[in-house]
Amino acid sequence: MDEQDHDYLRERTGCRNQKIMTVDQQFTTLNEKLQQLLKQYHRLQKENERLKEELQQLKSKESEGYRQIEELQQQMGILKLAAGEMNDRDKREFEKKINQYVREIDKCISFLSQ
C-alpha cells in the first residue's frame, strides 16, 4: 500500500489525522502481544506449580499435626487411666479405642494366616 492508498483510506474512513497501520506493523504488534502472552502464560504455569507444591507441603504438615494430636490424646487417656482420674465417659471412650485396636490386630492376624 502506497501513500496514495493511505490518503484514500483516510478520506473514506474519516481518519485524516490518524496513520493507518500497515499489515507489517499490525503483524509486528500482534507478534509482540503474543510474545507477552506466552511469557505471562509460562510465568503463571511456574507459579501454579509452586502453589501446588506448597499446598501439598501444607497438607502433609496438617496430616502430621492431626496424627500428633491423636497420639497425644491417646497418651493422655493412658495417663488418666494410670492415675485413676478417668470419669465414666473417658473410660467408655478408652475401652472403645482398645476394642478397635483389638479388632484391627485380629484382622491382621487373620490376613497373615491366609
N, C-alpha and C. Protein backbone atom coordinates (compact mmCIF):
# COMPACT_ATOMS: atom_id res chain seq x y z
N MET A 1 0.84 -1.16 0.00
CA MET A 1 0.00 0.00 0.00
C MET A 1 0.90 1.24 0.00
N ASP A 2 0.68 2.10 -0.95
CA ASP A 2 1.49 3.31 -1.01
C ASP A 2 0.77 4.47 -0.32
N GLU A 3 1.37 5.64 -0.34
CA GLU A 3 0.85 6.81 0.36
C GLU A 3 -0.49 7.25 -0.22
N GLN A 4 -0.69 7.10 -1.53
CA GLN A 4 -1.97 7.47 -2.14
C GLN A 4 -3.09 6.60 -1.61
N ASP A 5 -2.80 5.32 -1.48
CA ASP A 5 -3.81 4.41 -0.94
C ASP A 5 -4.15 4.78 0.50
N HIS A 6 -3.14 5.14 1.26
CA HIS A 6 -3.37 5.57 2.65
C HIS A 6 -4.22 6.83 2.68
N ASP A 7 -3.92 7.77 1.82
CA ASP A 7 -4.70 9.00 1.76
C ASP A 7 -6.15 8.70 1.41
N TYR A 8 -6.33 7.82 0.44
CA TYR A 8 -7.68 7.44 0.02
C TYR A 8 -8.44 6.80 1.21
N LEU A 9 -7.79 5.89 1.93
CA LEU A 9 -8.43 5.25 3.08
C LEU A 9 -8.74 6.25 4.19
N ARG A 10 -7.84 7.17 4.42
CA ARG A 10 -8.07 8.20 5.45
C ARG A 10 -9.30 9.04 5.08
N GLU A 11 -9.40 9.37 3.79
CA GLU A 11 -10.52 10.17 3.32
C GLU A 11 -11.82 9.41 3.47
N ARG A 12 -11.83 8.15 3.07
CA ARG A 12 -13.04 7.34 3.08
C ARG A 12 -13.49 7.02 4.52
N THR A 13 -12.54 6.85 5.42
CA THR A 13 -12.89 6.46 6.79
C THR A 13 -12.98 7.66 7.73
N GLY A 14 -12.62 8.81 7.27
CA GLY A 14 -12.67 9.98 8.13
C GLY A 14 -11.50 10.07 9.08
N CYS A 15 -10.44 9.37 8.81
CA CYS A 15 -9.25 9.35 9.67
C CYS A 15 -8.16 10.20 9.04
N ARG A 16 -8.40 11.45 8.89
CA ARG A 16 -7.45 12.30 8.19
C ARG A 16 -6.15 12.49 8.97
N ASN A 17 -6.26 12.59 10.29
CA ASN A 17 -5.06 12.86 11.08
C ASN A 17 -4.42 11.59 11.65
N GLN A 18 -5.07 10.47 11.50
CA GLN A 18 -4.53 9.24 12.06
C GLN A 18 -3.77 8.48 10.99
N LYS A 19 -2.73 7.82 11.42
CA LYS A 19 -1.98 6.98 10.48
C LYS A 19 -2.59 5.59 10.46
N ILE A 20 -2.65 5.02 9.31
CA ILE A 20 -3.14 3.66 9.16
C ILE A 20 -1.95 2.73 9.26
N MET A 21 -2.11 1.69 10.10
CA MET A 21 -1.02 0.75 10.29
C MET A 21 -0.94 -0.18 9.08
N THR A 22 0.26 -0.43 8.65
CA THR A 22 0.44 -1.35 7.55
C THR A 22 0.27 -2.77 8.07
N VAL A 23 0.14 -3.72 7.19
CA VAL A 23 -0.01 -5.11 7.57
C VAL A 23 1.22 -5.57 8.34
N ASP A 24 2.40 -5.14 7.91
CA ASP A 24 3.62 -5.50 8.63
C ASP A 24 3.61 -4.94 10.05
N GLN A 25 3.16 -3.72 10.21
CA GLN A 25 3.11 -3.13 11.53
C GLN A 25 2.09 -3.87 12.41
N GLN A 26 0.95 -4.21 11.82
CA GLN A 26 -0.06 -4.95 12.57
C GLN A 26 0.47 -6.32 12.97
N PHE A 27 1.17 -6.97 12.07
CA PHE A 27 1.75 -8.27 12.36
C PHE A 27 2.79 -8.17 13.48
N THR A 28 3.62 -7.16 13.41
CA THR A 28 4.64 -6.95 14.44
C THR A 28 3.98 -6.70 15.80
N THR A 29 2.97 -5.86 15.82
CA THR A 29 2.25 -5.57 17.07
C THR A 29 1.60 -6.84 17.62
N LEU A 30 0.97 -7.59 16.73
CA LEU A 30 0.32 -8.83 17.14
C LEU A 30 1.36 -9.83 17.68
N ASN A 31 2.48 -9.92 17.01
CA ASN A 31 3.54 -10.82 17.44
C ASN A 31 4.07 -10.42 18.82
N GLU A 32 4.26 -9.13 19.04
CA GLU A 32 4.73 -8.65 20.35
C GLU A 32 3.73 -9.00 21.45
N LYS A 33 2.45 -8.82 21.16
CA LYS A 33 1.43 -9.15 22.15
C LYS A 33 1.38 -10.65 22.42
N LEU A 34 1.56 -11.44 21.38
CA LEU A 34 1.61 -12.89 21.57
C LEU A 34 2.80 -13.30 22.43
N GLN A 35 3.94 -12.68 22.20
CA GLN A 35 5.12 -12.98 23.00
C GLN A 35 4.89 -12.62 24.46
N GLN A 36 4.23 -11.49 24.70
CA GLN A 36 3.93 -11.09 26.07
C GLN A 36 2.98 -12.10 26.73
N LEU A 37 1.98 -12.54 25.96
CA LEU A 37 1.04 -13.53 26.49
C LEU A 37 1.74 -14.85 26.81
N LEU A 38 2.64 -15.27 25.94
CA LEU A 38 3.38 -16.50 26.18
C LEU A 38 4.25 -16.41 27.43
N LYS A 39 4.90 -15.27 27.61
CA LYS A 39 5.71 -15.07 28.82
C LYS A 39 4.84 -15.13 30.06
N GLN A 40 3.70 -14.46 29.99
CA GLN A 40 2.78 -14.45 31.13
C GLN A 40 2.24 -15.86 31.39
N TYR A 41 1.93 -16.60 30.34
CA TYR A 41 1.45 -17.96 30.47
C TYR A 41 2.49 -18.84 31.17
N HIS A 42 3.74 -18.75 30.75
CA HIS A 42 4.80 -19.55 31.36
C HIS A 42 5.03 -19.15 32.82
N ARG A 43 4.95 -17.86 33.09
CA ARG A 43 5.12 -17.39 34.46
C ARG A 43 3.99 -17.93 35.34
N LEU A 44 2.77 -17.91 34.81
CA LEU A 44 1.63 -18.41 35.58
C LEU A 44 1.71 -19.92 35.77
N GLN A 45 2.22 -20.63 34.77
CA GLN A 45 2.42 -22.07 34.92
C GLN A 45 3.40 -22.38 36.04
N LYS A 46 4.51 -21.65 36.08
CA LYS A 46 5.51 -21.86 37.14
C LYS A 46 4.91 -21.54 38.50
N GLU A 47 4.17 -20.44 38.57
CA GLU A 47 3.54 -20.06 39.85
C GLU A 47 2.53 -21.11 40.28
N ASN A 48 1.78 -21.64 39.33
CA ASN A 48 0.80 -22.68 39.63
C ASN A 48 1.49 -23.92 40.18
N GLU A 49 2.59 -24.33 39.58
CA GLU A 49 3.34 -25.49 40.07
C GLU A 49 3.88 -25.23 41.48
N ARG A 50 4.40 -24.03 41.71
CA ARG A 50 4.91 -23.68 43.03
C ARG A 50 3.80 -23.74 44.07
N LEU A 51 2.63 -23.22 43.70
CA LEU A 51 1.50 -23.22 44.63
C LEU A 51 1.00 -24.64 44.90
N LYS A 52 1.03 -25.50 43.87
CA LYS A 52 0.64 -26.89 44.08
C LYS A 52 1.59 -27.58 45.05
N GLU A 53 2.88 -27.33 44.89
CA GLU A 53 3.87 -27.92 45.80
C GLU A 53 3.66 -27.40 47.22
N GLU A 54 3.43 -26.10 47.34
CA GLU A 54 3.21 -25.51 48.66
C GLU A 54 1.96 -26.10 49.30
N LEU A 55 0.90 -26.28 48.51
CA LEU A 55 -0.33 -26.87 49.03
C LEU A 55 -0.08 -28.29 49.52
N GLN A 56 0.68 -29.06 48.74
CA GLN A 56 0.98 -30.43 49.13
C GLN A 56 1.77 -30.46 50.44
N GLN A 57 2.73 -29.55 50.59
CA GLN A 57 3.51 -29.48 51.82
C GLN A 57 2.62 -29.12 53.01
N LEU A 58 1.71 -28.17 52.80
CA LEU A 58 0.81 -27.77 53.88
C LEU A 58 -0.14 -28.90 54.26
N LYS A 59 -0.62 -29.66 53.27
CA LYS A 59 -1.49 -30.79 53.56
C LYS A 59 -0.72 -31.85 54.35
N SER A 60 0.53 -32.05 53.99
CA SER A 60 1.36 -33.02 54.70
C SER A 60 1.56 -32.58 56.15
N LYS A 61 1.84 -31.29 56.36
CA LYS A 61 2.02 -30.78 57.72
C LYS A 61 0.72 -30.91 58.52
N GLU A 62 -0.40 -30.65 57.85
CA GLU A 62 -1.69 -30.76 58.52
C GLU A 62 -1.93 -32.21 58.96
N SER A 63 -1.66 -33.15 58.07
CA SER A 63 -1.84 -34.57 58.41
C SER A 63 -0.94 -34.96 59.58
N GLU A 64 0.29 -34.49 59.55
CA GLU A 64 1.22 -34.77 60.64
C GLU A 64 0.71 -34.18 61.95
N GLY A 65 0.15 -32.98 61.87
CA GLY A 65 -0.40 -32.34 63.07
C GLY A 65 -1.56 -33.13 63.64
N TYR A 66 -2.47 -33.60 62.75
CA TYR A 66 -3.59 -34.41 63.23
C TYR A 66 -3.10 -35.72 63.85
N ARG A 67 -2.08 -36.32 63.24
CA ARG A 67 -1.53 -37.56 63.77
C ARG A 67 -0.95 -37.33 65.17
N GLN A 68 -0.23 -36.22 65.33
CA GLN A 68 0.35 -35.90 66.64
C GLN A 68 -0.74 -35.65 67.68
N ILE A 69 -1.80 -34.96 67.27
CA ILE A 69 -2.91 -34.69 68.20
C ILE A 69 -3.53 -36.00 68.67
N GLU A 70 -3.77 -36.91 67.73
CA GLU A 70 -4.37 -38.19 68.09
C GLU A 70 -3.44 -38.97 69.03
N GLU A 71 -2.16 -38.96 68.71
CA GLU A 71 -1.19 -39.66 69.55
C GLU A 71 -1.17 -39.07 70.96
N LEU A 72 -1.18 -37.74 71.06
CA LEU A 72 -1.17 -37.09 72.38
C LEU A 72 -2.46 -37.38 73.15
N GLN A 73 -3.58 -37.43 72.44
CA GLN A 73 -4.85 -37.75 73.10
C GLN A 73 -4.82 -39.18 73.65
N GLN A 74 -4.22 -40.10 72.89
CA GLN A 74 -4.09 -41.47 73.37
C GLN A 74 -3.20 -41.53 74.61
N GLN A 75 -2.10 -40.80 74.56
CA GLN A 75 -1.19 -40.77 75.71
C GLN A 75 -1.89 -40.17 76.93
N MET A 76 -2.67 -39.15 76.71
CA MET A 76 -3.39 -38.51 77.80
C MET A 76 -4.40 -39.50 78.41
N GLY A 77 -5.06 -40.26 77.56
CA GLY A 77 -6.00 -41.27 78.06
C GLY A 77 -5.30 -42.33 78.89
N ILE A 78 -4.16 -42.77 78.43
CA ILE A 78 -3.39 -43.77 79.18
C ILE A 78 -2.95 -43.21 80.53
N LEU A 79 -2.49 -41.96 80.51
CA LEU A 79 -2.05 -41.34 81.77
C LEU A 79 -3.21 -41.17 82.74
N LYS A 80 -4.37 -40.79 82.22
CA LYS A 80 -5.55 -40.66 83.10
C LYS A 80 -5.92 -42.01 83.70
N LEU A 81 -5.86 -43.05 82.86
CA LEU A 81 -6.21 -44.39 83.34
C LEU A 81 -5.23 -44.83 84.43
N ALA A 82 -3.95 -44.59 84.17
CA ALA A 82 -2.92 -44.98 85.13
C ALA A 82 -3.06 -44.22 86.45
N ALA A 83 -3.46 -42.97 86.35
CA ALA A 83 -3.59 -42.15 87.56
C ALA A 83 -4.94 -42.35 88.23
N GLY A 84 -5.83 -43.11 87.60
CA GLY A 84 -7.16 -43.33 88.17
C GLY A 84 -8.05 -42.12 88.09
N GLU A 85 -7.81 -41.23 87.16
CA GLU A 85 -8.58 -39.98 87.04
C GLU A 85 -9.61 -40.01 85.92
N MET A 86 -9.94 -41.17 85.42
CA MET A 86 -10.89 -41.23 84.31
C MET A 86 -12.32 -41.21 84.84
N ASN A 87 -13.15 -40.41 84.23
CA ASN A 87 -14.58 -40.47 84.54
C ASN A 87 -15.20 -41.56 83.68
N ASP A 88 -16.47 -41.82 83.87
CA ASP A 88 -17.13 -42.93 83.15
C ASP A 88 -17.10 -42.72 81.63
N ARG A 89 -17.30 -41.52 81.20
CA ARG A 89 -17.29 -41.22 79.77
C ARG A 89 -15.92 -41.51 79.16
N ASP A 90 -14.86 -41.05 79.83
CA ASP A 90 -13.49 -41.29 79.36
C ASP A 90 -13.17 -42.77 79.34
N LYS A 91 -13.65 -43.52 80.35
CA LYS A 91 -13.40 -44.96 80.42
C LYS A 91 -14.06 -45.67 79.23
N ARG A 92 -15.31 -45.29 78.93
CA ARG A 92 -16.01 -45.91 77.79
C ARG A 92 -15.28 -45.61 76.49
N GLU A 93 -14.85 -44.39 76.33
CA GLU A 93 -14.11 -43.99 75.12
C GLU A 93 -12.80 -44.77 75.01
N PHE A 94 -12.12 -44.91 76.13
CA PHE A 94 -10.85 -45.64 76.14
C PHE A 94 -11.08 -47.11 75.80
N GLU A 95 -12.11 -47.71 76.38
CA GLU A 95 -12.44 -49.11 76.09
C GLU A 95 -12.80 -49.29 74.61
N LYS A 96 -13.50 -48.33 74.08
CA LYS A 96 -13.88 -48.38 72.67
C LYS A 96 -12.62 -48.38 71.78
N LYS A 97 -11.66 -47.54 72.12
CA LYS A 97 -10.40 -47.47 71.37
C LYS A 97 -9.65 -48.79 71.47
N ILE A 98 -9.57 -49.35 72.69
CA ILE A 98 -8.86 -50.62 72.88
C ILE A 98 -9.53 -51.72 72.07
N ASN A 99 -10.86 -51.76 72.08
CA ASN A 99 -11.59 -52.76 71.29
C ASN A 99 -11.33 -52.58 69.79
N GLN A 100 -11.25 -51.35 69.37
CA GLN A 100 -10.95 -51.07 67.96
C GLN A 100 -9.56 -51.60 67.60
N TYR A 101 -8.59 -51.37 68.47
CA TYR A 101 -7.23 -51.87 68.22
C TYR A 101 -7.21 -53.40 68.19
N VAL A 102 -7.95 -54.02 69.09
CA VAL A 102 -8.01 -55.48 69.13
C VAL A 102 -8.60 -56.01 67.83
N ARG A 103 -9.66 -55.39 67.34
CA ARG A 103 -10.27 -55.81 66.06
C ARG A 103 -9.27 -55.66 64.92
N GLU A 104 -8.52 -54.56 64.89
CA GLU A 104 -7.52 -54.36 63.84
C GLU A 104 -6.43 -55.42 63.92
N ILE A 105 -6.01 -55.75 65.13
CA ILE A 105 -4.98 -56.78 65.32
C ILE A 105 -5.52 -58.14 64.85
N ASP A 106 -6.78 -58.44 65.19
CA ASP A 106 -7.40 -59.69 64.74
C ASP A 106 -7.45 -59.78 63.22
N LYS A 107 -7.80 -58.67 62.57
CA LYS A 107 -7.83 -58.64 61.10
C LYS A 107 -6.44 -58.93 60.53
N CYS A 108 -5.43 -58.32 61.13
CA CYS A 108 -4.05 -58.52 60.65
C CYS A 108 -3.63 -59.97 60.83
N ILE A 109 -3.99 -60.57 61.96
CA ILE A 109 -3.63 -61.95 62.22
C ILE A 109 -4.32 -62.87 61.22
N SER A 110 -5.61 -62.63 60.97
CA SER A 110 -6.33 -63.48 60.01
C SER A 110 -5.79 -63.30 58.60
N PHE A 111 -5.40 -62.10 58.27
CA PHE A 111 -4.81 -61.85 56.95
C PHE A 111 -3.49 -62.58 56.80
N LEU A 112 -2.67 -62.54 57.84
CA LEU A 112 -1.36 -63.21 57.81
C LEU A 112 -1.48 -64.73 57.79
N SER A 113 -2.54 -65.25 58.39
CA SER A 113 -2.68 -66.70 58.45
C SER A 113 -3.26 -67.28 57.16
N GLN A 114 -3.68 -66.48 56.24
CA GLN A 114 -4.24 -66.96 54.97
C GLN A 114 -3.19 -67.42 54.02
